[in-house]
């Protein structure tokens, strides 16, 4: 989506729903994905990949993430951070998009 921010994206979602009625799950996932991309950009993450056990977040070299926040994620278990800037997080029972968004918000707000 070409929305400038989450508020504009939500407005597009509401307009689409007003025009076409209740949105199918696939369209809701598309909007969730667009929100995820915006959150990743603001957190300094250039890519998110699915791994056999969860998710891998590749941080931009210039990402401003608190070392204490990364250490906290790793110390809590289920996460690892490599010198190449990849944060690997095991994914729980929640959906992948929601799991990724939760991690992104956590590292973004900690930076």
N, C-alpha and C. Protein backbone atom coordinates (compact mmCIF):
# COMPACT_ATOMS: atom_id res chain seq x y z
N UNK A 1 0.84 -1.18 0.00
CA UNK A 1 0.00 0.00 0.00
C UNK A 1 0.88 1.24 0.00
N UNK A 2 0.37 2.29 -0.59
CA UNK A 2 1.15 3.51 -0.69
C UNK A 2 0.84 4.48 0.45
N UNK A 3 0.22 4.01 1.50
CA UNK A 3 -0.11 4.87 2.64
C UNK A 3 1.16 5.39 3.30
N UNK A 4 1.11 6.67 3.71
CA UNK A 4 2.28 7.30 4.33
C UNK A 4 2.50 6.86 5.76
N UNK A 5 1.43 6.47 6.46
CA UNK A 5 1.56 6.06 7.85
C UNK A 5 0.42 5.09 8.19
N UNK A 6 0.46 4.56 9.42
CA UNK A 6 -0.56 3.59 9.83
C UNK A 6 -1.96 4.17 9.81
N UNK A 7 -2.09 5.45 10.15
CA UNK A 7 -3.40 6.09 10.14
C UNK A 7 -3.97 6.15 8.72
N UNK A 8 -3.14 6.50 7.75
CA UNK A 8 -3.58 6.53 6.36
C UNK A 8 -3.93 5.13 5.87
N UNK A 9 -3.15 4.15 6.29
CA UNK A 9 -3.43 2.76 5.92
C UNK A 9 -4.78 2.31 6.48
N UNK A 10 -5.05 2.66 7.73
CA UNK A 10 -6.32 2.30 8.34
C UNK A 10 -7.48 3.00 7.63
N UNK A 11 -7.27 4.23 7.20
CA UNK A 11 -8.32 4.94 6.47
C UNK A 11 -8.62 4.23 5.15
N UNK A 12 -7.58 3.77 4.46
CA UNK A 12 -7.78 3.02 3.21
C UNK A 12 -8.55 1.73 3.50
N UNK A 13 -8.20 1.04 4.60
CA UNK A 13 -8.90 -0.19 4.96
C UNK A 13 -10.38 0.09 5.22
N UNK A 14 -10.67 1.15 5.97
CA UNK A 14 -12.08 1.49 6.27
C UNK A 14 -12.84 1.85 5.00
N UNK A 15 -12.21 2.63 4.11
CA UNK A 15 -12.87 3.01 2.86
C UNK A 15 -13.15 1.77 2.00
N UNK A 16 -12.21 0.85 1.97
CA UNK A 16 -12.40 -0.38 1.21
C UNK A 16 -13.56 -1.19 1.79
N UNK A 17 -13.61 -1.27 3.12
CA UNK A 17 -14.69 -2.00 3.78
C UNK A 17 -16.03 -1.31 3.55
N UNK A 18 -16.06 0.02 3.60
CA UNK A 18 -17.30 0.75 3.34
C UNK A 18 -17.81 0.50 1.93
N UNK A 19 -16.89 0.44 0.99
CA UNK A 19 -17.28 0.27 -0.41
C UNK A 19 -17.69 -1.16 -0.74
N UNK A 20 -16.95 -2.14 -0.22
CA UNK A 20 -17.16 -3.53 -0.63
C UNK A 20 -17.75 -4.43 0.45
N UNK A 21 -17.97 -3.89 1.64
CA UNK A 21 -18.50 -4.72 2.72
C UNK A 21 -17.37 -5.39 3.49
N UNK A 22 -17.76 -6.36 4.31
CA UNK A 22 -16.78 -7.05 5.15
C UNK A 22 -15.65 -7.61 4.30
N UNK A 23 -14.42 -7.33 4.74
CA UNK A 23 -13.24 -7.74 3.96
C UNK A 23 -12.91 -9.20 4.20
N UNK A 24 -12.56 -9.92 3.14
CA UNK A 24 -12.14 -11.32 3.31
C UNK A 24 -10.85 -11.38 4.12
N UNK A 25 -10.61 -12.52 4.73
CA UNK A 25 -9.41 -12.72 5.55
C UNK A 25 -8.13 -12.43 4.77
N UNK A 26 -8.10 -12.79 3.49
CA UNK A 26 -6.90 -12.55 2.68
C UNK A 26 -6.61 -11.06 2.53
N UNK A 27 -7.65 -10.25 2.43
CA UNK A 27 -7.46 -8.79 2.32
C UNK A 27 -7.02 -8.23 3.67
N UNK A 28 -7.60 -8.73 4.76
CA UNK A 28 -7.18 -8.29 6.10
C UNK A 28 -5.70 -8.62 6.32
N UNK A 29 -5.26 -9.80 5.84
CA UNK A 29 -3.85 -10.17 5.97
C UNK A 29 -2.96 -9.24 5.15
N UNK A 30 -3.46 -8.81 3.99
CA UNK A 30 -2.70 -7.87 3.17
C UNK A 30 -2.49 -6.55 3.91
N UNK A 31 -3.52 -6.05 4.57
CA UNK A 31 -3.38 -4.83 5.36
C UNK A 31 -2.44 -5.06 6.56
N UNK A 32 -2.53 -6.23 7.18
CA UNK A 32 -1.63 -6.56 8.30
C UNK A 32 -0.19 -6.60 7.81
N UNK A 33 0.02 -7.14 6.63
CA UNK A 33 1.37 -7.19 6.05
C UNK A 33 1.90 -5.78 5.78
N UNK A 34 1.03 -4.91 5.27
CA UNK A 34 1.44 -3.52 5.01
C UNK A 34 1.84 -2.82 6.31
N UNK A 35 1.07 -3.05 7.38
CA UNK A 35 1.42 -2.47 8.69
C UNK A 35 2.76 -3.03 9.18
N UNK A 36 2.97 -4.33 8.95
CA UNK A 36 4.22 -4.97 9.36
C UNK A 36 5.41 -4.34 8.63
N UNK A 37 5.27 -4.09 7.34
CA UNK A 37 6.35 -3.46 6.57
C UNK A 37 6.68 -2.08 7.12
N UNK A 38 5.67 -1.32 7.45
CA UNK A 38 5.88 0.03 8.00
C UNK A 38 6.61 -0.07 9.35
N UNK A 39 6.20 -1.01 10.18
CA UNK A 39 6.83 -1.19 11.49
C UNK A 39 8.28 -1.64 11.32
N UNK A 40 8.53 -2.54 10.37
CA UNK A 40 9.90 -3.01 10.11
C UNK A 40 10.80 -1.85 9.69
N UNK A 41 10.30 -1.01 8.80
CA UNK A 41 11.08 0.15 8.35
C UNK A 41 11.44 1.05 9.52
N UNK A 42 10.47 1.30 10.40
CA UNK A 42 10.73 2.21 11.52
C UNK A 42 11.65 1.58 12.57
N UNK A 43 11.75 0.25 12.58
CA UNK A 43 12.63 -0.44 13.53
C UNK A 43 14.03 -0.68 12.96
N UNK A 44 14.24 -0.31 11.70
CA UNK A 44 15.55 -0.51 11.09
C UNK A 44 15.78 -1.92 10.59
N UNK A 45 14.70 -2.63 10.29
CA UNK A 45 14.79 -4.01 9.80
C UNK A 45 14.60 -4.01 8.28
N UNK A 46 15.53 -4.64 7.57
CA UNK A 46 15.46 -4.66 6.11
C UNK A 46 14.77 -5.90 5.56
N UNK A 47 14.74 -6.97 6.35
CA UNK A 47 14.04 -8.17 5.88
C UNK A 47 13.61 -9.03 7.07
N UNK A 48 12.54 -9.77 6.84
CA UNK A 48 12.05 -10.74 7.82
C UNK A 48 11.86 -12.04 7.06
N UNK A 49 12.50 -13.10 7.54
CA UNK A 49 12.39 -14.40 6.89
C UNK A 49 11.83 -15.41 7.87
N UNK A 50 11.05 -16.33 7.33
CA UNK A 50 10.54 -17.43 8.14
C UNK A 50 11.64 -18.49 8.21
N UNK A 51 11.86 -19.01 9.41
CA UNK A 51 12.84 -20.08 9.61
C UNK A 51 12.07 -21.32 10.07
N UNK A 52 12.72 -22.48 10.13
CA UNK A 52 12.00 -23.68 10.59
C UNK A 52 11.42 -23.53 12.00
N UNK A 53 12.04 -22.70 12.83
CA UNK A 53 11.56 -22.57 14.22
C UNK A 53 10.96 -21.21 14.55
N UNK A 54 10.96 -20.30 13.60
CA UNK A 54 10.41 -18.97 13.91
C UNK A 54 10.71 -17.96 12.83
N UNK A 55 11.35 -16.84 13.23
CA UNK A 55 11.57 -15.73 12.33
C UNK A 55 13.00 -15.21 12.45
N UNK A 56 13.53 -14.67 11.35
CA UNK A 56 14.86 -14.05 11.34
C UNK A 56 14.70 -12.62 10.84
N UNK A 57 15.18 -11.66 11.63
CA UNK A 57 15.08 -10.24 11.32
C UNK A 57 16.48 -9.73 10.97
N UNK A 58 16.67 -9.23 9.77
CA UNK A 58 17.96 -8.66 9.35
C UNK A 58 17.91 -7.16 9.59
N UNK A 59 18.76 -6.69 10.50
CA UNK A 59 18.80 -5.27 10.84
C UNK A 59 19.70 -4.50 9.89
N UNK A 60 19.29 -3.30 9.56
CA UNK A 60 20.10 -2.39 8.77
C UNK A 60 21.36 -2.07 9.57
N UNK A 61 22.47 -1.84 8.90
CA UNK A 61 23.72 -1.52 9.61
C UNK A 61 23.57 -0.28 10.47
N UNK A 62 22.71 0.64 10.06
CA UNK A 62 22.53 1.89 10.79
C UNK A 62 21.35 1.84 11.76
N UNK A 63 20.78 0.65 11.96
CA UNK A 63 19.63 0.52 12.87
C UNK A 63 20.04 0.94 14.28
N UNK A 64 19.17 1.70 14.92
CA UNK A 64 19.44 2.17 16.28
C UNK A 64 18.61 1.34 17.25
N UNK A 65 19.15 0.18 17.58
CA UNK A 65 18.49 -0.74 18.50
C UNK A 65 19.33 -0.81 19.77
N UNK A 66 18.67 -0.73 20.89
CA UNK A 66 19.36 -0.77 22.17
C UNK A 66 20.03 -2.14 22.37
N UNK A 67 21.34 -2.16 22.65
CA UNK A 67 22.01 -3.43 22.95
C UNK A 67 21.36 -4.12 24.14
N UNK A 68 20.90 -3.34 25.12
CA UNK A 68 20.24 -3.92 26.29
C UNK A 68 18.95 -4.63 25.89
N UNK A 69 18.23 -4.07 24.92
CA UNK A 69 16.98 -4.68 24.46
C UNK A 69 17.29 -6.01 23.76
N UNK A 70 18.31 -6.03 22.91
CA UNK A 70 18.70 -7.28 22.24
C UNK A 70 19.16 -8.32 23.25
N UNK A 71 19.97 -7.89 24.21
CA UNK A 71 20.45 -8.80 25.25
C UNK A 71 19.27 -9.36 26.05
N UNK A 72 18.28 -8.52 26.32
CA UNK A 72 17.10 -8.96 27.05
C UNK A 72 16.33 -10.04 26.29
N UNK A 73 16.19 -9.86 24.97
CA UNK A 73 15.50 -10.86 24.16
C UNK A 73 16.26 -12.19 24.17
N UNK A 74 17.59 -12.10 24.02
CA UNK A 74 18.41 -13.32 23.99
C UNK A 74 18.41 -13.98 25.37
N UNK A 75 18.53 -13.19 26.43
CA UNK A 75 18.56 -13.73 27.79
C UNK A 75 17.25 -14.40 28.18
N UNK A 76 16.15 -13.89 27.64
CA UNK A 76 14.84 -14.45 27.97
C UNK A 76 14.66 -15.83 27.35
N UNK A 77 15.52 -16.18 26.41
CA UNK A 77 15.44 -17.49 25.76
C UNK A 77 14.63 -17.42 24.49
N UNK A 78 14.92 -18.32 23.59
CA UNK A 78 14.18 -18.39 22.34
C UNK A 78 14.62 -17.38 21.30
N UNK A 79 15.76 -16.70 21.54
CA UNK A 79 16.26 -15.72 20.57
C UNK A 79 17.78 -15.77 20.53
N UNK A 80 18.33 -15.41 19.37
CA UNK A 80 19.78 -15.29 19.23
C UNK A 80 20.07 -14.11 18.31
N UNK A 81 21.25 -13.52 18.49
CA UNK A 81 21.65 -12.39 17.66
C UNK A 81 23.05 -12.65 17.13
N UNK A 82 23.22 -12.51 15.82
CA UNK A 82 24.52 -12.79 15.20
C UNK A 82 25.27 -11.49 14.94
N UNK A 83 26.60 -11.57 14.83
CA UNK A 83 27.39 -10.37 14.53
C UNK A 83 27.03 -9.75 13.18
N UNK A 84 26.42 -10.53 12.29
CA UNK A 84 26.03 -10.00 10.98
C UNK A 84 24.72 -9.21 11.04
N UNK A 85 24.15 -9.07 12.24
CA UNK A 85 22.95 -8.25 12.39
C UNK A 85 21.65 -8.99 12.18
N UNK A 86 21.64 -10.29 12.42
CA UNK A 86 20.41 -11.07 12.26
C UNK A 86 19.92 -11.51 13.63
N UNK A 87 18.69 -11.12 13.94
CA UNK A 87 18.03 -11.52 15.17
C UNK A 87 17.10 -12.68 14.83
N UNK A 88 17.34 -13.84 15.44
CA UNK A 88 16.49 -15.01 15.23
C UNK A 88 15.64 -15.21 16.47
N UNK A 89 14.34 -15.34 16.25
CA UNK A 89 13.39 -15.47 17.36
C UNK A 89 12.50 -16.67 17.09
N UNK A 90 12.39 -17.54 18.09
CA UNK A 90 11.46 -18.66 17.97
C UNK A 90 10.04 -18.11 18.05
N UNK A 91 9.17 -18.63 17.21
CA UNK A 91 7.80 -18.15 17.16
C UNK A 91 6.91 -19.07 17.98
N UNK A 92 6.08 -18.46 18.81
CA UNK A 92 5.15 -19.23 19.64
C UNK A 92 3.92 -19.64 18.84
N UNK A 93 2.81 -19.80 19.53
CA UNK A 93 1.58 -20.25 18.90
C UNK A 93 0.84 -19.18 18.12
N UNK A 94 1.23 -17.90 18.27
CA UNK A 94 0.50 -16.83 17.58
C UNK A 94 0.86 -16.82 16.10
N UNK A 95 0.09 -16.09 15.31
CA UNK A 95 0.35 -15.99 13.89
C UNK A 95 1.69 -15.33 13.62
N UNK A 96 2.27 -15.65 12.48
CA UNK A 96 3.60 -15.13 12.15
C UNK A 96 3.62 -13.62 12.03
N UNK A 97 2.60 -13.04 11.41
CA UNK A 97 2.58 -11.58 11.26
C UNK A 97 2.51 -10.91 12.61
N UNK A 98 1.64 -11.41 13.49
CA UNK A 98 1.51 -10.81 14.82
C UNK A 98 2.78 -11.03 15.64
N UNK A 99 3.38 -12.19 15.52
CA UNK A 99 4.62 -12.47 16.23
C UNK A 99 5.73 -11.53 15.77
N UNK A 100 5.84 -11.35 14.46
CA UNK A 100 6.86 -10.45 13.91
C UNK A 100 6.61 -9.02 14.35
N UNK A 101 5.36 -8.58 14.33
CA UNK A 101 5.03 -7.21 14.74
C UNK A 101 5.38 -6.98 16.21
N UNK A 102 5.12 -7.97 17.05
CA UNK A 102 5.42 -7.85 18.48
C UNK A 102 6.92 -7.66 18.70
N UNK A 103 7.74 -8.46 18.00
CA UNK A 103 9.20 -8.34 18.13
C UNK A 103 9.67 -6.99 17.60
N UNK A 104 9.13 -6.57 16.46
CA UNK A 104 9.53 -5.28 15.89
C UNK A 104 9.21 -4.13 16.82
N UNK A 105 8.01 -4.14 17.40
CA UNK A 105 7.64 -3.08 18.33
C UNK A 105 8.56 -3.10 19.55
N UNK A 106 8.91 -4.29 19.98
CA UNK A 106 9.78 -4.44 21.15
C UNK A 106 11.17 -3.84 20.88
N UNK A 107 11.76 -4.17 19.74
CA UNK A 107 13.11 -3.65 19.47
C UNK A 107 13.06 -2.18 19.06
N UNK A 108 12.01 -1.77 18.38
CA UNK A 108 11.90 -0.36 17.97
C UNK A 108 11.76 0.54 19.19
N UNK A 109 10.89 0.17 20.10
CA UNK A 109 10.64 1.00 21.27
C UNK A 109 11.79 0.95 22.26
N UNK A 110 12.68 -0.01 22.09
CA UNK A 110 13.82 -0.10 23.00
C UNK A 110 15.05 0.63 22.51
N UNK A 111 14.97 1.17 21.28
CA UNK A 111 16.15 1.80 20.69
C UNK A 111 16.31 3.25 21.03
